[in-house]
Amino acid sequence: MFTSWIKQNPGRRFLRCPGVSGRRCDYFEWVDPYICDRVAQIILGLLVRMTHVDGHNRELQTQNTGLKEENRLLLESLIRLEAANKSLLYKFKLVKIYATICLLAYVFYIMS
């Protein structure tokens, strides 16, 4: 069984000789009943819209894949930056402690 996609009979199924061993007879028979021109136009319009939607869907899937990769890279960067920030906060606390010790040593030196 085959399906016609010509303008006059879109989606209409038919039987024909399969042409075994390169030989073909003239057998042809419609399986589905005739459809009026308006229905054929609607089917063709829907096929065009479906093709457009499929193309748009592929574009969105490609965009989504790219965004997933960008998100993964940003997450890796965030993890590295959080680790660097933690290290800098630790160093800042050490500098504050060192500055406090130096100030106290200076005060004790002056007072003595």
C-alpha atoms as a PDB file:
ATOM      1  CA  MET A   1       0.000   0.000   0.000  1.00  0.00           C
ATOM      2  CA  PHE A   2       1.252   3.447  -0.923  1.00  0.00           C
ATOM      3  CA  THR A   3       0.230   6.987  -0.034  1.00  0.00           C
ATOM      4  CA  SER A   4      -0.230   9.755  -2.568  1.00  0.00           C
ATOM      5  CA  TRP A   5       1.193  13.176  -1.742  1.00  0.00           C
ATOM      6  CA  ILE A   6       0.330  14.946  -4.973  1.00  0.00           C
ATOM      7  CA  LYS A   7      -1.740  18.119  -4.812  1.00  0.00           C
ATOM      8  CA  GLN A   8      -4.970  16.469  -6.017  1.00  0.00           C
ATOM      9  CA  ASN A   9      -4.853  13.482  -3.603  1.00  0.00           C
ATOM     10  CA  PRO A  10      -2.768  14.292  -0.523  1.00  0.00           C
ATOM     11  CA  GLY A  11      -2.700  11.477   2.012  1.00  0.00           C
ATOM     12  CA  ARG A  12      -4.904   9.220  -0.095  1.00  0.00           C
ATOM     13  CA  ARG A  13      -3.815   5.575  -0.020  1.00  0.00           C
ATOM     14  CA  PHE A  14      -3.669   3.327  -3.082  1.00  0.00           C
ATOM     15  CA  LEU A  15      -2.525  -0.076  -4.293  1.00  0.00           C
ATOM     16  CA  ARG A  16      -0.335  -0.648  -7.329  1.00  0.00           C
ATOM     17  CA  CYS A  17       1.783  -3.362  -8.817  1.00  0.00           C
ATOM     18  CA  PRO A  18       4.987  -3.606  -6.712  1.00  0.00           C
ATOM     19  CA  GLY A  19       7.116  -4.292  -9.779  1.00  0.00           C
ATOM     20  CA  VAL A  20       8.842  -7.509  -8.671  1.00  0.00           C
ATOM     21  CA  SER A  21      12.145  -8.218 -10.462  1.00  0.00           C
ATOM     22  CA  GLY A  22      11.925  -4.980 -12.425  1.00  0.00           C
ATOM     23  CA  ARG A  23       8.650  -6.019 -14.076  1.00  0.00           C
ATOM     24  CA  ARG A  24       5.540  -3.984 -13.496  1.00  0.00           C
ATOM     25  CA  CYS A  25       1.940  -4.368 -14.519  1.00  0.00           C
ATOM     26  CA  ASP A  26      -0.598  -1.535 -14.842  1.00  0.00           C
ATOM     27  CA  TYR A  27      -2.584  -2.449 -11.737  1.00  0.00           C
ATOM     28  CA  PHE A  28      -3.733   0.600  -9.732  1.00  0.00           C
ATOM     29  CA  GLU A  29      -6.599   0.995  -7.258  1.00  0.00           C
ATOM     30  CA  TRP A  30      -7.503   3.684  -4.738  1.00  0.00           C
ATOM     31  CA  VAL A  31      -8.011   2.341  -1.195  1.00  0.00           C
ATOM     32  CA  ASP A  32      -9.365   5.577   0.262  1.00  0.00           C
ATOM     33  CA  PRO A  33     -12.414   7.298  -1.220  1.00  0.00           C
ATOM     34  CA  TYR A  34     -12.115  10.493  -3.273  1.00  0.00           C
ATOM     35  CA  ILE A  35     -11.662  13.674  -1.248  1.00  0.00           C
ATOM     36  CA  CYS A  36     -13.015  17.015  -2.376  1.00  0.00           C
ATOM     37  CA  ASP A  37     -10.702  19.846  -3.421  1.00  0.00           C
ATOM     38  CA  ARG A  38     -11.340  21.825  -0.231  1.00  0.00           C
ATOM     39  CA  VAL A  39     -10.280  18.893   1.977  1.00  0.00           C
ATOM     40  CA  ALA A  40      -7.194  18.383  -0.199  1.00  0.00           C
ATOM     41  CA  GLN A  41      -6.303  22.088   0.231  1.00  0.00           C
ATOM     42  CA  ILE A  42      -6.749  21.808   4.004  1.00  0.00           C
ATOM     43  CA  ILE A  43      -4.549  18.693   4.159  1.00  0.00           C
ATOM     44  CA  LEU A  44      -1.832  20.377   2.085  1.00  0.00           C
ATOM     45  CA  GLY A  45      -2.027  23.492   4.278  1.00  0.00           C
ATOM     46  CA  LEU A  46      -1.716  21.364   7.388  1.00  0.00           C
ATOM     47  CA  LEU A  47       1.286  19.555   5.893  1.00  0.00           C
ATOM     48  CA  VAL A  48       2.977  22.894   5.190  1.00  0.00           C
ATOM     49  CA  ARG A  49       2.268  24.060   8.740  1.00  0.00           C
ATOM     50  CA  MET A  50       3.484  20.742  10.168  1.00  0.00           C
ATOM     51  CA  THR A  51       6.709  21.020   8.167  1.00  0.00           C
ATOM     52  CA  HIS A  52       7.178  24.569   9.457  1.00  0.00           C
ATOM     53  CA  VAL A  53       6.494  23.485  13.050  1.00  0.00           C
ATOM     54  CA  ASP A  54       8.910  20.547  12.697  1.00  0.00           C
ATOM     55  CA  GLY A  55      11.632  22.894  11.439  1.00  0.00           C
ATOM     56  CA  HIS A  56      10.970  25.335  14.257  1.00  0.00           C
ATOM     57  CA  ASN A  57      11.042  22.451  16.744  1.00  0.00           C
ATOM     58  CA  ARG A  58      14.452  21.333  15.432  1.00  0.00           C
ATOM     59  CA  GLU A  59      15.742  24.912  15.780  1.00  0.00           C
ATOM     60  CA  LEU A  60      14.485  25.064  19.366  1.00  0.00           C
ATOM     61  CA  GLN A  61      16.053  21.694  20.171  1.00  0.00           C
ATOM     62  CA  THR A  62      19.386  22.925  18.802  1.00  0.00           C
ATOM     63  CA  GLN A  63      19.048  26.137  20.796  1.00  0.00           C
ATOM     64  CA  ASN A  64      18.139  24.134  23.907  1.00  0.00           C
ATOM     65  CA  THR A  65      21.199  21.916  23.473  1.00  0.00           C
ATOM     66  CA  GLY A  66      23.382  25.021  23.208  1.00  0.00           C
ATOM     67  CA  LEU A  67      21.781  26.544  26.299  1.00  0.00           C
ATOM     68  CA  LYS A  68      22.314  23.319  28.243  1.00  0.00           C
ATOM     69  CA  GLU A  69      26.011  23.416  27.347  1.00  0.00           C
ATOM     70  CA  GLU A  70      26.234  27.105  28.266  1.00  0.00           C
ATOM     71  CA  ASN A  71      24.493  26.357  31.564  1.00  0.00           C
ATOM     72  CA  ARG A  72      26.953  23.525  32.280  1.00  0.00           C
ATOM     73  CA  LEU A  73      29.922  25.813  31.613  1.00  0.00           C
ATOM     74  CA  LEU A  74      28.453  28.586  33.781  1.00  0.00           C
ATOM     75  CA  LEU A  75      27.861  26.121  36.602  1.00  0.00           C
ATOM     76  CA  GLU A  76      31.482  24.950  36.402  1.00  0.00           C
ATOM     77  CA  SER A  77      32.606  28.580  36.462  1.00  0.00           C
ATOM     78  CA  LEU A  78      30.357  29.296  39.453  1.00  0.00           C
ATOM     79  CA  ILE A  79      31.863  26.375  41.378  1.00  0.00           C
ATOM     80  CA  ARG A  80      35.399  27.619  40.625  1.00  0.00           C
ATOM     81  CA  LEU A  81      34.508  31.198  41.606  1.00  0.00           C
ATOM     82  CA  GLU A  82      32.856  30.079  44.848  1.00  0.00           C
ATOM     83  CA  ALA A  83      35.999  28.115  45.747  1.00  0.00           C
ATOM     84  CA  ALA A  84      38.186  31.136  44.926  1.00  0.00           C
ATOM     85  CA  ASN A  85      35.889  33.399  46.964  1.00  0.00           C
ATOM     86  CA  LYS A  86      36.089  31.037  49.934  1.00  0.00           C
ATOM     87  CA  SER A  87      39.883  31.070  49.690  1.00  0.00           C
ATOM     88  CA  LEU A  88      39.976  34.882  49.489  1.00  0.00           C
ATOM     89  CA  LEU A  89      37.653  35.233  52.493  1.00  0.00           C
ATOM     90  CA  TYR A  90      39.969  32.974  54.473  1.00  0.00           C
ATOM     91  CA  LYS A  91      42.999  35.061  53.427  1.00  0.00           C
ATOM     92  CA  PHE A  92      41.137  38.288  54.305  1.00  0.00           C
ATOM     93  CA  LYS A  93      40.393  36.952  57.792  1.00  0.00           C
ATOM     94  CA  LEU A  94      44.078  36.079  58.214  1.00  0.00           C
ATOM     95  CA  VAL A  95      45.096  39.598  57.131  1.00  0.00           C
ATOM     96  CA  LYS A  96      42.631  41.114  59.631  1.00  0.00           C
ATOM     97  CA  ILE A  97      44.024  38.918  62.397  1.00  0.00           C
ATOM     98  CA  TYR A  98      47.600  39.847  61.409  1.00  0.00           C
ATOM     99  CA  ALA A  99      46.687  43.565  61.342  1.00  0.00           C
ATOM    100  CA  THR A 100      45.079  43.270  64.787  1.00  0.00           C
ATOM    101  CA  ILE A 101      48.162  41.527  66.159  1.00  0.00           C
ATOM    102  CA  CYS A 102      50.428  44.220  64.661  1.00  0.00           C
ATOM    103  CA  LEU A 103      48.260  46.981  66.138  1.00  0.00           C
ATOM    104  CA  LEU A 104      48.256  45.340  69.566  1.00  0.00           C
ATOM    105  CA  ALA A 105      52.022  44.846  69.392  1.00  0.00           C
ATOM    106  CA  TYR A 106      52.463  48.515  68.499  1.00  0.00           C
ATOM    107  CA  VAL A 107      50.208  49.624  71.370  1.00  0.00           C
ATOM    108  CA  PHE A 108      52.092  47.435  73.857  1.00  0.00           C
ATOM    109  CA  TYR A 109      55.413  48.727  72.500  1.00  0.00           C
ATOM    110  CA  ILE A 110      54.332  52.351  72.967  1.00  0.00           C
ATOM    111  CA  MET A 111      52.980  51.715  76.453  1.00  0.00           C
ATOM    112  CA  SER A 112      56.107  50.019  77.654  1.00  0.00           C
END
